[in-house]
Amino acid sequence: MSDIIKLCIVIAVALFLMFSIISEFKKPQKDMFWFSIDVMFLLAAFLLIKDYIIKHVM
């Protein structure tokens, strides 16, 4: 059960980061530091989701 809760938290964080990246693209003056931090954490979230799928589904 705790794995499902962790997965839900990671998915929620990934969704927040995707919307944060989209909102950063809408700004006329982009802050590349925060954009790169968001992308780095989004990639980490995708890797955690991938590991969960490989571990529990396949």
Protein backbone atom coordinates (compact mmCIF):
# COMPACT_ATOMS: atom_id res chain seq x y z
CA MET A 1 0.00 0.00 0.00
CA SER A 2 2.82 2.40 0.72
CA ASP A 3 4.18 1.92 -2.81
CA ILE A 4 0.90 3.18 -4.26
CA ILE A 5 1.00 6.25 -2.01
CA LYS A 6 4.59 6.96 -3.09
CA LEU A 7 3.57 6.58 -6.73
CA CYS A 8 0.65 9.00 -6.28
CA ILE A 9 2.95 11.55 -4.65
CA VAL A 10 5.50 11.24 -7.47
CA ILE A 11 2.75 11.62 -10.09
CA ALA A 12 1.39 14.70 -8.31
CA VAL A 13 4.86 16.25 -8.18
CA ALA A 14 5.42 15.43 -11.85
CA LEU A 15 2.14 17.11 -12.79
CA PHE A 16 3.05 20.19 -10.78
CA LEU A 17 6.45 20.36 -12.47
CA MET A 18 4.93 20.00 -15.95
CA PHE A 19 2.56 22.90 -15.29
CA SER A 20 5.44 24.90 -13.83
CA ILE A 21 7.48 24.35 -17.00
CA ILE A 22 4.51 25.33 -19.18
CA SER A 23 3.99 28.52 -17.18
CA GLU A 24 7.70 29.33 -17.49
CA PHE A 25 7.38 29.14 -21.29
CA LYS A 26 4.50 31.64 -21.20
CA LYS A 27 6.65 34.27 -19.48
CA PRO A 28 8.38 36.82 -21.74
CA GLN A 29 11.50 36.76 -19.53
CA LYS A 30 12.39 33.15 -18.77
CA ASP A 31 14.43 32.24 -15.71
CA MET A 32 16.68 29.45 -16.96
CA PHE A 33 17.86 28.50 -13.46
CA TRP A 34 14.37 27.52 -12.24
CA PHE A 35 13.53 26.01 -15.62
CA SER A 36 16.57 23.71 -15.45
CA ILE A 37 15.76 22.74 -11.84
CA ASP A 38 12.17 21.90 -12.86
CA VAL A 39 13.34 19.81 -15.80
CA MET A 40 15.86 17.95 -13.66
CA PHE A 41 13.25 17.04 -11.03
CA LEU A 42 10.73 16.12 -13.74
CA LEU A 43 13.22 13.69 -15.26
CA ALA A 44 13.83 12.20 -11.81
CA ALA A 45 10.07 11.78 -11.32
CA PHE A 46 9.75 10.05 -14.70
CA LEU A 47 12.59 7.69 -13.75
CA LEU A 48 10.87 6.84 -10.46
CA ILE A 49 7.59 6.15 -12.28
CA LYS A 50 9.43 3.99 -14.82
CA ASP A 51 11.13 1.99 -12.06
CA TYR A 52 7.78 1.47 -10.33
CA ILE A 53 6.20 0.21 -13.55
CA ILE A 54 9.08 -2.15 -14.26
CA LYS A 55 9.10 -3.45 -10.68
CA HIS A 56 5.36 -3.96 -10.17
CA VAL A 57 3.76 -4.40 -13.58
CA MET A 58 6.24 -6.46 -15.56
